[in-house]
Amino acid sequence: MVELMENKKSQVLNLERVQALETWLKTTNTKLTQVNGQRRYGGPPEVWDGPTPGARCEVFISQIPRDAYEDLLIPLFSSVGPLWEFRLMMNFSGQNRGFAYAKYSSSGVAADAIRLLHGHMLEPGFRLSVHRSTEKRHLCIEDLPATTRQEDLLQVLRVLAEGVERVSLKAGAGIEGVSAIVAFLSHHTASMAKKMLVEAFKKQFALTVSIKWQSSVNSSSDEPLPPQKSSMSLLASPLRPLHHILSSPPPSVLPPRLARHPSIPPGFCRAVGGPAVSRHSPCSSTFSSEGGHLVSAAAPVMLLQKVCEATGVGQPLYEMYCSHAGPDGYLYFIYKVCIPGITVPFKGLVMILPGPTPTSTLEEARQAAAQQVLQRVHGNQLSH
């Protein structure tokens, strides 16, 4: 019991560390951008004057104390060589997730970072683990129905996972099925999707698929496929069970300012309310040292509230249900968000890491649910 209490105590947000980060941001004029569960520096930074890094230039850093931030990590990893990008994985609660990625100008500098910083003691009891990042960002989804359409699968995947860029279809091993190569924005988003998509397809579509890393991808796989034959014409029929689990209002019941763009292609994804997600997430937050404080945009719950206020549809009401815990430690929450001025509630599934208390865990699940709802309405409403 004492050990459990100590573990919980260690997970509480350390306000002194947060204040130290604010001070560092002010004195160094460093800018951080938070999007999709990670806080990013650079990509490239403003002072970068070299080429874009190629392959094998990124290192993966783990065993990071949960209350350590960029004010400790960026100077340490910059001591090896200039950073093109540094990404610290974050929870909505303000703690880091214990791992990060640092990208350098060359594979040689990345190798130096591994040699010099692997095993470095950032604080007593915490030795960093630094290894070459695999940077794989392509997944192969097998055993999809033969009726799968590329554009509909892309829409569905963007509802279920973050960072989906492109989808390409190819004939599967069997006569009845097809496979899909899915390109993600980063290795992290691909890794998160790999952990949860098999279960999501099973629970929400009553469909068993297999997912593996695609180690080598031909350049042609990143190009759009030509129009598909009629035999590949419909994703909706085998995946119809999702209709009553992940549903959102059709365009006819949305207020005019929230109506979907008419260019969204028809298909199953429209039935579940999954418009293509912008590369710029609606819940992005920009951190800077302005005024000596950590400045950020509103959290997803606040952003959704502001959108609803602006359109006069009433305040969102959240219903959250913890479905189960995955073997990787993530908690899966089923949510329903009811907005009085919209006749059909938004429903879906989110996965989060548990927080230090039940209250903080529930709040993080609400934030993740609000983020998904925001991604289903017109992104331009968040431009202010």
Protein backbone atom coordinates (compact mmCIF):
# COMPACT_ATOMS: atom_id res chain seq x y z
CA MET A 1 0.00 0.00 0.00
CA VAL A 2 2.84 2.40 0.88
CA GLU A 3 4.53 1.61 -2.43
CA LEU A 4 1.27 2.25 -4.32
CA MET A 5 0.83 5.61 -2.58
CA GLU A 6 4.40 6.56 -3.44
CA ASN A 7 3.83 5.64 -7.10
CA LYS A 8 0.68 7.77 -7.21
CA LYS A 9 2.50 10.63 -5.52
CA SER A 10 5.25 10.47 -8.13
CA GLN A 11 2.65 10.82 -10.89
CA VAL A 12 1.19 14.10 -9.58
CA LEU A 13 2.00 17.07 -11.81
CA ASN A 14 5.13 18.80 -10.49
CA LEU A 15 4.33 22.52 -10.55
CA GLU A 16 7.94 23.49 -9.85
CA ARG A 17 9.02 21.65 -13.00
CA VAL A 18 6.26 23.37 -15.01
CA GLN A 19 7.41 26.77 -13.72
CA ALA A 20 11.00 25.92 -14.62
CA LEU A 21 9.82 25.12 -18.16
CA GLU A 22 8.02 28.48 -18.36
CA THR A 23 11.15 30.32 -17.26
CA TRP A 24 13.28 28.46 -19.79
CA LEU A 25 10.85 29.23 -22.61
CA LYS A 26 10.98 32.93 -21.71
CA THR A 27 14.74 33.21 -21.42
CA THR A 28 15.50 31.18 -24.57
CA ASN A 29 12.52 32.35 -26.66
CA THR A 30 11.85 28.72 -27.53
CA LYS A 31 8.56 27.82 -29.20
CA LEU A 32 6.81 24.50 -28.71
CA THR A 33 3.74 23.22 -30.55
CA GLN A 34 1.43 20.59 -29.07
CA VAL A 35 -0.61 18.43 -31.42
CA ASN A 36 -1.98 14.89 -31.33
CA GLY A 37 -0.50 13.87 -28.00
CA GLN A 38 2.99 15.21 -28.57
CA ARG A 39 4.78 18.51 -27.99
CA ARG A 40 7.18 19.44 -30.75
CA TYR A 41 10.18 21.71 -31.04
CA GLY A 42 11.44 22.58 -34.51
CA GLY A 43 10.73 20.53 -37.56
CA PRO A 44 12.83 22.60 -38.37
CA PRO A 45 13.54 25.33 -35.76
CA GLU A 46 13.65 28.94 -36.92
CA VAL A 47 17.46 29.04 -36.87
CA TRP A 48 17.93 25.93 -39.04
CA ASP A 49 19.95 26.55 -42.20
CA GLY A 50 20.78 23.01 -43.36
CA PRO A 51 18.95 20.43 -45.48
CA THR A 52 16.10 18.25 -44.28
CA PRO A 53 17.50 15.18 -42.46
CA GLY A 54 17.30 11.85 -44.26
CA ALA A 55 17.03 8.30 -43.01
CA ARG A 56 18.53 7.10 -39.70
CA CYS A 57 18.82 10.64 -38.31
CA GLU A 58 16.32 10.16 -35.47
CA VAL A 59 16.83 8.61 -32.03
CA PHE A 60 14.20 7.17 -29.70
CA ILE A 61 14.49 8.20 -26.05
CA SER A 62 12.72 6.28 -23.27
CA GLN A 63 12.85 5.98 -19.48
CA ILE A 64 12.21 9.71 -19.14
CA PRO A 65 10.90 10.82 -15.71
CA ARG A 66 7.22 11.76 -16.04
CA ASP A 67 7.85 15.30 -14.74
CA ALA A 68 10.87 16.09 -16.94
CA TYR A 69 10.28 18.58 -19.74
CA GLU A 70 12.02 20.22 -22.67
CA ASP A 71 14.01 22.61 -20.47
CA LEU A 72 16.05 19.58 -19.36
CA LEU A 73 15.87 17.43 -22.47
CA ILE A 74 16.45 19.83 -25.38
CA PRO A 75 19.69 21.36 -23.99
CA LEU A 76 20.98 17.86 -23.20
CA PHE A 77 20.34 16.46 -26.68
CA SER A 78 21.41 19.70 -28.36
CA SER A 79 24.80 19.32 -26.68
CA VAL A 80 25.56 16.52 -29.17
CA GLY A 81 24.58 18.56 -32.24
CA PRO A 82 21.87 20.93 -33.53
CA LEU A 83 18.36 19.47 -33.30
CA TRP A 84 16.16 19.56 -36.38
CA GLU A 85 13.21 18.38 -34.29
CA PHE A 86 12.45 17.18 -30.77
CA ARG A 87 9.09 15.56 -29.91
CA LEU A 88 8.04 14.82 -26.34
CA MET A 89 4.95 12.61 -26.00
CA MET A 90 2.39 14.21 -23.68
CA ASN A 91 -0.86 13.45 -21.86
CA PHE A 92 -3.71 15.94 -21.63
CA SER A 93 -2.97 16.01 -17.88
CA GLY A 94 0.38 17.74 -18.52
CA GLN A 95 2.71 14.83 -17.80
CA ASN A 96 4.99 13.39 -20.44
CA ARG A 97 4.48 9.76 -21.46
CA GLY A 98 8.03 8.74 -20.71
CA PHE A 99 9.45 8.81 -24.24
CA ALA A 100 10.52 11.25 -26.93
CA TYR A 101 12.19 11.50 -30.35
CA ALA A 102 15.17 13.65 -31.32
CA LYS A 103 16.13 14.21 -34.97
CA TYR A 104 19.55 15.44 -36.06
CA SER A 105 21.13 16.69 -39.27
CA SER A 106 22.82 13.39 -40.10
CA SER A 107 22.92 9.74 -39.14
CA GLY A 108 26.44 10.29 -37.77
CA VAL A 109 25.25 12.87 -35.23
CA ALA A 110 22.39 10.55 -34.26
CA ALA A 111 24.95 7.78 -33.65
CA ASP A 112 26.92 10.18 -31.44
CA ALA A 113 23.78 10.90 -29.41
CA ILE A 114 23.27 7.19 -28.83
CA ARG A 115 26.91 6.68 -27.83
CA LEU A 116 27.07 9.66 -25.50
CA LEU A 117 23.61 9.78 -23.93
CA HIS A 118 22.44 6.17 -23.63
CA GLY A 119 22.47 5.46 -19.90
CA HIS A 120 22.77 9.15 -19.00
CA MET A 121 21.36 9.79 -15.50
CA LEU A 122 18.92 12.65 -15.95
CA GLU A 123 18.06 12.54 -12.24
CA PRO A 124 18.75 9.97 -9.48
CA GLY A 125 17.18 6.64 -10.35
CA PHE A 126 16.44 7.54 -14.01
CA ARG A 127 18.91 6.54 -16.69
CA LEU A 128 17.84 7.44 -20.21
CA SER A 129 17.57 4.77 -22.88
CA VAL A 130 18.62 6.10 -26.29
CA HIS A 131 18.40 3.97 -29.44
CA ARG A 132 18.09 4.44 -33.18
CA SER A 133 14.50 5.18 -34.13
CA THR A 134 13.04 2.76 -36.66
CA GLU A 135 10.85 5.57 -38.06
CA LYS A 136 8.54 3.06 -39.74
CA ARG A 137 5.30 4.78 -40.59
CA HIS A 138 3.54 2.32 -42.90
CA LEU A 139 1.16 -0.39 -41.70
CA CYS A 140 -0.24 -3.28 -43.70
CA ILE A 141 -3.85 -4.18 -42.84
CA GLU A 142 -4.75 -7.64 -44.15
CA ASP A 143 -7.97 -9.64 -44.46
CA LEU A 144 -10.16 -6.69 -45.45
CA PRO A 145 -13.38 -7.51 -47.34
CA ALA A 146 -13.09 -7.73 -51.12
CA THR A 147 -15.69 -4.96 -51.39
CA THR A 148 -13.44 -2.42 -49.65
CA ARG A 149 -13.12 0.95 -51.37
CA GLN A 150 -9.95 2.94 -50.90
CA GLU A 151 -11.61 6.31 -50.24
CA ASP A 152 -14.09 4.85 -47.73
CA LEU A 153 -11.36 2.98 -45.84
CA LEU A 154 -9.33 6.19 -45.65
CA GLN A 155 -12.30 8.02 -44.11
CA VAL A 156 -12.97 5.26 -41.57
CA LEU A 157 -9.31 5.04 -40.52
CA ARG A 158 -9.23 8.79 -39.94
CA VAL A 159 -12.12 8.37 -37.52
CA LEU A 160 -10.37 5.57 -35.61
CA ALA A 161 -6.74 6.74 -35.61
CA GLU A 162 -4.63 9.88 -35.68
CA GLY A 163 -2.13 10.87 -38.33
CA VAL A 164 -3.45 8.86 -41.30
CA GLU A 165 -2.04 10.31 -44.53
CA ARG A 166 -2.78 7.87 -47.37
CA VAL A 167 -4.22 4.45 -48.08
CA SER A 168 -3.39 2.12 -50.97
CA LEU A 169 -5.14 -1.17 -51.68
CA LYS A 170 -3.67 -4.36 -53.09
CA ALA A 171 -4.95 -7.88 -53.66
CA GLY A 172 -4.72 -10.02 -50.52
CA ALA A 173 -3.36 -13.51 -50.16
CA GLY A 174 -6.82 -15.03 -50.52
CA ILE A 175 -9.36 -14.69 -53.29
CA GLU A 176 -11.94 -13.06 -51.03
CA GLY A 177 -9.87 -10.37 -49.33
CA VAL A 178 -7.66 -7.36 -49.96
CA SER A 179 -4.87 -5.66 -48.05
CA ALA A 180 -4.22 -1.99 -47.42
CA ILE A 181 -0.96 -0.09 -46.99
CA VAL A 182 -1.60 2.85 -44.68
CA ALA A 183 0.88 5.75 -44.48
CA PHE A 184 0.99 7.79 -41.26
CA LEU A 185 2.45 11.18 -40.46
CA SER A 186 4.97 9.69 -38.04
CA HIS A 187 6.24 6.48 -36.51
CA HIS A 188 4.48 7.38 -33.26
CA THR A 189 1.02 7.72 -34.81
CA ALA A 190 1.56 4.49 -36.76
CA SER A 191 2.66 2.70 -33.58
CA MET A 192 -0.42 3.90 -31.66
CA ALA A 193 -2.68 2.78 -34.51
CA LYS A 194 -1.02 -0.65 -34.65
CA LYS A 195 -1.82 -1.17 -30.97
CA MET A 196 -5.53 -0.43 -31.18
CA LEU A 197 -6.88 -0.93 -34.71
CA VAL A 198 -7.24 -4.73 -34.58
CA GLU A 199 -9.44 -4.49 -31.52
CA ALA A 200 -11.30 -1.47 -32.88
CA PHE A 201 -12.18 -3.29 -36.12
CA LYS A 202 -13.31 -6.34 -34.13
CA LYS A 203 -15.43 -4.45 -31.59
CA GLN A 204 -16.91 -1.88 -33.94
CA PHE A 205 -17.09 -3.65 -37.30
CA ALA A 206 -17.35 -7.33 -36.23
CA LEU A 207 -14.38 -7.79 -38.58
CA THR A 208 -11.12 -9.64 -37.83
CA VAL A 209 -8.09 -8.11 -39.53
CA SER A 210 -4.36 -8.53 -39.04
CA ILE A 211 -1.93 -5.61 -38.90
CA LYS A 212 1.85 -5.63 -39.31
CA TRP A 213 4.60 -3.19 -40.10
CA GLN A 214 5.25 -2.68 -43.79
CA SER A 215 9.03 -2.73 -43.85
CA SER A 216 9.49 -1.65 -47.45
CA VAL A 217 7.08 0.50 -49.43
CA ASN A 218 7.41 1.14 -53.13
CA SER A 219 7.19 4.74 -54.17
CA SER A 220 4.08 3.93 -56.13
CA SER A 221 2.28 2.98 -52.94
CA ASP A 222 2.26 6.64 -51.91
CA GLU A 223 0.43 7.64 -55.07
CA PRO A 224 -3.36 7.55 -55.37
CA LEU A 225 -4.69 4.40 -56.96
CA PRO A 226 -6.74 4.60 -60.17
CA PRO A 227 -10.53 4.29 -59.92
CA GLN A 228 -11.41 0.84 -58.66
CA LYS A 229 -13.51 -1.75 -60.36
CA SER A 230 -17.09 -2.42 -59.36
CA SER A 231 -16.06 -5.56 -57.48
CA MET A 232 -14.37 -3.24 -54.94
CA SER A 233 -17.33 -0.90 -54.75
CA LEU A 234 -18.58 -0.93 -51.18
CA LEU A 235 -17.05 -0.89 -47.73
CA ALA A 236 -20.36 -0.26 -46.00
CA SER A 237 -21.95 -3.69 -46.06
CA PRO A 238 -19.39 -5.69 -44.03
CA LEU A 239 -18.77 -2.78 -41.64
CA ARG A 240 -22.37 -1.71 -41.07
CA PRO A 241 -22.36 -2.56 -37.31
CA LEU A 242 -20.28 0.59 -36.74
CA HIS A 243 -23.27 2.74 -37.77
CA HIS A 244 -24.83 2.59 -34.31
CA ILE A 245 -21.53 2.90 -32.40
CA LEU A 246 -19.69 5.71 -34.16
CA SER A 247 -22.49 7.91 -35.45
CA SER A 248 -22.70 11.65 -35.85
CA PRO A 249 -25.31 13.93 -37.37
CA PRO A 250 -25.89 13.85 -41.14
CA PRO A 251 -25.41 17.21 -42.86
CA SER A 252 -29.16 17.94 -42.87
CA VAL A 253 -29.33 18.25 -39.06
CA LEU A 254 -26.16 20.31 -38.55
CA PRO A 255 -26.37 24.09 -38.11
CA PRO A 256 -25.33 25.88 -41.35
CA ARG A 257 -21.92 26.97 -40.02
CA LEU A 258 -21.08 23.39 -39.01
CA ALA A 259 -22.34 21.66 -42.15
CA ARG A 260 -19.84 19.38 -43.87
CA HIS A 261 -18.26 20.41 -47.11
CA PRO A 262 -20.26 18.97 -50.04
CA SER A 263 -17.09 17.54 -51.64
CA ILE A 264 -16.84 14.78 -49.03
CA PRO A 265 -17.26 11.56 -51.04
CA PRO A 266 -20.36 9.41 -50.43
CA GLY A 267 -19.99 6.09 -48.66
CA PHE A 268 -20.03 4.44 -45.31
CA CYS A 269 -17.85 7.05 -43.67
CA ARG A 270 -20.46 9.73 -44.19
CA ALA A 271 -22.93 7.55 -42.29
CA VAL A 272 -20.60 7.46 -39.29
CA GLY A 273 -19.62 11.12 -39.57
CA GLY A 274 -15.92 10.84 -40.33
CA PRO A 275 -14.76 13.76 -42.50
CA ALA A 276 -11.11 13.80 -43.48
CA VAL A 277 -8.98 15.16 -40.66
CA SER A 278 -6.85 18.18 -41.46
CA ARG A 279 -3.11 17.78 -41.04
CA HIS A 280 -3.47 20.65 -38.56
CA SER A 281 -5.42 19.18 -35.69
CA PRO A 282 -8.17 21.40 -34.30
CA CYS A 283 -6.84 20.92 -30.82
CA SER A 284 -3.32 22.09 -31.65
CA SER A 285 -1.77 24.28 -28.98
CA THR A 286 1.16 26.64 -29.41
CA PHE A 287 3.50 27.14 -26.47
CA SER A 288 5.76 30.19 -26.30
CA SER A 289 7.56 32.31 -23.77
CA GLU A 290 5.38 35.37 -24.31
CA GLY A 291 5.04 37.32 -21.07
CA GLY A 292 7.09 34.76 -19.20
CA HIS A 293 4.31 32.20 -19.13
CA LEU A 294 3.49 28.98 -20.85
CA VAL A 295 0.87 30.10 -23.35
CA SER A 296 -1.44 27.55 -24.93
CA ALA A 297 -4.65 27.43 -26.87
CA ALA A 298 -7.74 26.10 -25.14
CA ALA A 299 -8.03 22.36 -24.53
CA PRO A 300 -10.42 20.40 -26.78
CA VAL A 301 -13.30 20.57 -24.24
CA MET A 302 -13.01 24.36 -24.13
CA LEU A 303 -12.69 24.63 -27.91
CA LEU A 304 -15.81 22.55 -28.46
CA GLN A 305 -17.68 24.67 -25.93
CA LYS A 306 -16.65 27.86 -27.77
CA VAL A 307 -17.75 26.43 -31.14
CA CYS A 308 -21.13 25.50 -29.66
CA GLU A 309 -21.51 28.96 -28.10
CA ALA A 310 -20.66 30.65 -31.40
CA THR A 311 -23.26 28.66 -33.30
CA GLY A 312 -25.96 28.77 -30.61
CA VAL A 313 -26.50 25.01 -30.39
CA GLY A 314 -26.16 24.69 -26.60
CA GLN A 315 -23.50 23.23 -24.33
CA PRO A 316 -22.13 19.69 -24.93
CA LEU A 317 -23.06 16.99 -22.42
CA TYR A 318 -20.61 14.10 -21.99
CA GLU A 319 -21.32 10.47 -21.14
CA MET A 320 -18.15 8.42 -20.61
CA TYR A 321 -17.92 4.66 -20.06
CA CYS A 322 -14.65 2.80 -19.44
CA SER A 323 -14.87 -0.24 -21.70
CA HIS A 324 -11.68 -2.11 -20.85
CA ALA A 325 -7.93 -1.88 -20.30
CA GLY A 326 -5.60 -3.02 -23.06
CA PRO A 327 -2.49 -5.18 -22.47
CA ASP A 328 -0.30 -2.12 -23.18
CA GLY A 329 -1.79 -0.18 -20.25
CA TYR A 330 -4.16 2.02 -22.28
CA LEU A 331 -7.74 2.50 -21.10
CA TYR A 332 -10.51 2.39 -23.72
CA PHE A 333 -13.47 4.71 -23.17
CA ILE A 334 -16.75 4.70 -25.09
CA TYR A 335 -18.26 8.18 -25.19
CA LYS A 336 -21.48 9.92 -26.18
CA VAL A 337 -21.53 13.69 -26.58
CA CYS A 338 -25.00 15.25 -26.80
CA ILE A 339 -25.38 18.79 -28.13
CA PRO A 340 -28.94 20.15 -27.66
CA GLY A 341 -29.12 21.84 -31.05
CA ILE A 342 -27.97 18.71 -32.91
CA THR A 343 -30.48 15.88 -33.00
CA VAL A 344 -28.08 12.92 -33.18
CA PRO A 345 -25.36 12.48 -30.53
CA PHE A 346 -21.71 11.99 -31.37
CA LYS A 347 -20.43 8.55 -30.31
CA GLY A 348 -17.03 6.95 -30.46
CA LEU A 349 -14.09 5.24 -28.80
CA VAL A 350 -10.92 6.81 -27.37
CA MET A 351 -7.82 5.31 -25.78
CA ILE A 352 -5.76 7.09 -23.10
CA LEU A 353 -3.09 6.38 -20.55
CA PRO A 354 -4.42 6.39 -16.97
CA GLY A 355 -3.78 9.52 -14.92
CA PRO A 356 -2.75 9.76 -11.27
CA THR A 357 -6.39 9.82 -10.06
CA PRO A 358 -9.76 8.59 -11.39
CA THR A 359 -10.82 12.22 -11.80
CA SER A 360 -7.82 13.14 -13.95
CA THR A 361 -8.25 9.96 -16.00
CA LEU A 362 -11.89 10.79 -16.71
CA GLU A 363 -10.97 14.36 -17.61
CA GLU A 364 -8.36 13.15 -20.08
CA ALA A 365 -10.93 10.84 -21.66
CA ARG A 366 -13.32 13.81 -22.00
CA GLN A 367 -10.59 15.84 -23.67
CA ALA A 368 -9.90 13.03 -26.13
CA ALA A 369 -13.63 12.68 -26.87
CA ALA A 370 -13.97 16.42 -27.45
CA GLN A 371 -11.00 16.26 -29.81
CA GLN A 372 -12.71 13.60 -31.93
CA VAL A 373 -15.95 15.59 -32.03
CA LEU A 374 -14.04 18.69 -33.12
CA GLN A 375 -12.47 16.68 -35.94
CA ARG A 376 -15.96 15.87 -37.20
CA VAL A 377 -17.11 19.44 -37.61
CA HIS A 378 -15.86 22.11 -39.96
CA GLY A 379 -12.25 22.90 -39.09
CA ASN A 380 -12.59 26.53 -40.11
CA GLN A 381 -14.70 27.17 -37.01
CA LEU A 382 -11.49 26.92 -34.96
CA SER A 383 -9.46 29.42 -36.92
CA HIS A 384 -9.91 32.14 -34.32
